[in-house]
Amino acid sequence: MPKRLLAALVLLGAAIGCGGSSTATAPFSVIPGPQPTAYAGSIQDSNSGAGTLRVTLSSAAGVTGGTWTATFSGRTEPPRVISGSVANDVLTATVNPDQTSGVNSGCTSLVSATFTASSLSGTYSGFAVTPTCPVPSTGTFTVTRQ
C-alpha cells in the first residue's frame, strides 16, 4: 500500500474516531434514523364512534412506519404500530398491536390513505378475529401534519 494512501486512511480513521465535540464512546458514531412526522386529527370508528387520532410516520429504505394512537370518549387506546409503503402518494399499511408494550390487545387493521402536502386521510378495516379482537372495526380518518 503506498505511504500516501496509508497516511490518508490513518488520518481519516483518527478524524472519524475523535469527532471533536462528539460524546460517542465508540470509534464510529451511530447515525439516527429519520425524524418522524406527526399528524393529528379525527377518526370515525364503527365500534367506538368519533374520536381523535395521532399518527407518527418515518420512512427509510422504502418502508414507512410509526405509531397510531386513537382516543375515544376520553379513553386513549394502547399505541399501535403502523408499517407499510407509499406509492404515488398512497400509503398502504397494516396497523398492529404493539407487541413491546406488554398490553397486546387490539385488532390488526389494513389501512389505505392518501397523502397531501399537509394531511393524510383514508380508511381502515380490521380483521383476524382473536380473543383480543372479538369484533374488528372499520373506519375513516383525517389527520393534519403538525
Protein backbone atom coordinates (compact mmCIF):
# COMPACT_ATOMS: atom_id res chain seq x y z
CA MET A 1 0.00 0.00 0.00
CA PRO A 2 1.50 3.39 -0.95
CA LYS A 3 2.54 5.53 2.02
CA ARG A 4 0.26 8.43 0.98
CA LEU A 5 -2.81 6.16 0.93
CA LEU A 6 -1.88 4.65 4.28
CA ALA A 7 -1.39 8.13 5.77
CA ALA A 8 -4.76 9.26 4.40
CA LEU A 9 -6.52 6.22 5.90
CA VAL A 10 -4.88 6.82 9.29
CA LEU A 11 -5.96 10.48 9.25
CA LEU A 12 -9.49 9.54 8.18
CA GLY A 13 -9.72 6.95 10.94
CA ALA A 14 -8.49 9.47 13.50
CA ALA A 15 -10.97 12.09 12.33
CA ILE A 16 -13.88 9.65 12.49
CA GLY A 17 -12.84 8.20 15.83
CA CYS A 18 -12.10 11.51 17.53
CA GLY A 19 -15.05 13.51 16.21
CA GLY A 20 -14.17 16.72 18.09
CA SER A 21 -17.35 17.55 20.00
CA SER A 22 -18.88 14.08 19.80
CA THR A 23 -19.90 12.38 23.03
CA ALA A 24 -19.90 8.92 21.43
CA THR A 25 -17.68 6.37 23.12
CA ALA A 26 -17.48 4.09 20.08
CA PRO A 27 -14.99 4.82 17.30
CA PHE A 28 -17.90 5.30 14.86
CA SER A 29 -20.96 7.29 15.80
CA VAL A 30 -24.44 5.95 15.07
CA ILE A 31 -26.44 7.97 12.59
CA PRO A 32 -30.01 8.38 13.86
CA GLY A 33 -32.96 7.42 11.69
CA PRO A 34 -35.24 9.92 10.01
CA GLN A 35 -37.16 12.30 12.23
CA PRO A 36 -40.82 11.18 12.41
CA THR A 37 -43.58 13.40 11.07
CA ALA A 38 -46.54 13.82 13.42
CA TYR A 39 -50.14 14.02 12.28
CA ALA A 40 -53.23 14.65 14.44
CA GLY A 41 -56.91 14.82 13.69
CA SER A 42 -60.17 12.93 13.70
CA ILE A 43 -61.16 9.28 13.44
CA GLN A 44 -64.61 7.73 12.98
CA ASP A 45 -64.73 4.09 14.09
CA SER A 46 -67.62 1.64 13.50
CA ASN A 47 -67.36 0.31 17.08
CA SER A 48 -66.08 3.26 19.14
CA GLY A 49 -67.61 6.24 17.31
CA ALA A 50 -65.92 9.59 16.87
CA GLY A 51 -62.50 10.24 18.34
CA THR A 52 -59.08 11.71 17.82
CA LEU A 53 -56.09 10.09 16.17
CA ARG A 54 -52.36 10.79 16.39
CA VAL A 55 -50.06 9.16 13.83
CA THR A 56 -46.28 9.49 13.64
CA LEU A 57 -44.50 8.28 10.50
CA SER A 58 -40.93 7.90 9.28
CA SER A 59 -39.68 6.43 6.02
CA ALA A 60 -36.44 4.59 5.37
CA ALA A 61 -35.36 2.09 2.71
CA GLY A 62 -38.83 2.03 1.13
CA VAL A 63 -40.67 1.23 4.37
CA THR A 64 -42.91 3.71 6.17
CA GLY A 65 -43.70 3.07 9.82
CA GLY A 66 -44.51 4.61 13.15
CA THR A 67 -47.24 4.76 15.77
CA TRP A 68 -51.03 5.02 15.70
CA THR A 69 -52.80 6.19 18.87
CA ALA A 70 -56.57 6.72 19.00
CA THR A 71 -58.67 8.27 21.77
CA PHE A 72 -62.40 7.68 22.09
CA SER A 73 -64.65 9.29 24.76
CA GLY A 74 -61.56 10.39 26.73
CA ARG A 75 -60.09 6.85 26.75
CA THR A 76 -56.75 6.51 24.96
CA GLU A 77 -56.23 3.11 23.41
CA PRO A 78 -52.82 1.43 23.70
CA PRO A 79 -50.46 2.66 20.98
CA ARG A 80 -50.34 0.50 17.89
CA VAL A 81 -47.62 0.08 15.27
CA ILE A 82 -48.21 1.11 11.66
CA SER A 83 -45.99 -0.13 8.83
CA GLY A 84 -46.30 -0.19 5.07
CA SER A 85 -45.21 1.55 1.91
CA VAL A 86 -46.03 4.67 -0.07
CA ALA A 87 -46.53 4.70 -3.84
CA ASN A 88 -47.95 7.65 -5.80
CA ASP A 89 -48.89 9.47 -2.55
CA VAL A 90 -50.93 6.47 -1.31
CA LEU A 91 -49.98 4.75 1.95
CA THR A 92 -50.85 1.07 2.11
CA ALA A 93 -50.16 -0.21 5.60
CA THR A 94 -51.01 -2.56 8.43
CA VAL A 95 -51.73 -1.37 11.96
CA ASN A 96 -50.89 -3.97 14.62
CA PRO A 97 -50.99 -4.09 18.40
CA ASP A 98 -47.63 -3.01 19.85
CA GLN A 99 -46.04 -6.27 20.99
CA THR A 100 -43.41 -4.42 23.04
CA SER A 101 -45.89 -2.53 25.25
CA GLY A 102 -46.91 -5.67 27.15
CA VAL A 103 -50.60 -4.87 26.52
CA ASN A 104 -51.00 -6.87 23.28
CA SER A 105 -54.64 -6.02 22.77
CA GLY A 106 -56.49 -4.77 19.79
CA CYS A 107 -57.13 -5.75 16.23
CA THR A 108 -54.91 -5.78 13.20
CA SER A 109 -56.17 -3.37 10.55
CA LEU A 110 -55.43 -2.70 6.91
CA VAL A 111 -55.05 0.99 6.06
CA SER A 112 -55.25 2.82 2.76
CA ALA A 113 -54.62 6.55 2.92
CA THR A 114 -53.74 9.43 0.62
CA PHE A 115 -51.03 11.98 1.41
CA THR A 116 -51.36 15.65 0.51
CA ALA A 117 -48.82 18.37 1.31
CA SER A 118 -50.30 18.83 4.79
CA SER A 119 -52.54 15.86 5.59
CA LEU A 120 -53.21 12.15 5.47
CA SER A 121 -56.71 10.75 5.09
CA GLY A 122 -58.11 7.32 4.44
CA THR A 123 -59.90 4.22 5.59
CA TYR A 124 -59.09 1.17 7.68
CA SER A 125 -60.66 -2.21 8.24
CA GLY A 126 -59.89 -4.69 10.99
CA PHE A 127 -59.52 -8.40 10.54
CA ALA A 128 -58.27 -11.52 12.35
CA VAL A 129 -60.90 -12.17 15.00
CA THR A 130 -58.98 -13.28 18.10
CA PRO A 131 -59.58 -13.16 21.87
CA THR A 132 -58.03 -9.66 21.89
CA CYS A 133 -60.05 -8.63 18.82
CA PRO A 134 -63.54 -10.12 19.12
CA VAL A 135 -65.21 -7.52 16.85
CA PRO A 136 -62.99 -5.93 14.19
CA SER A 137 -63.89 -2.38 13.25
CA THR A 138 -63.83 -0.24 10.14
CA GLY A 139 -63.47 3.48 9.89
CA THR A 140 -62.19 6.65 8.33
CA PHE A 141 -59.66 9.24 9.48
CA THR A 142 -58.25 12.61 8.51
CA VAL A 143 -55.11 13.87 10.21
CA THR A 144 -53.14 17.07 9.60
CA ARG A 145 -49.38 17.42 9.66
CA GLN A 146 -48.26 19.04 12.93
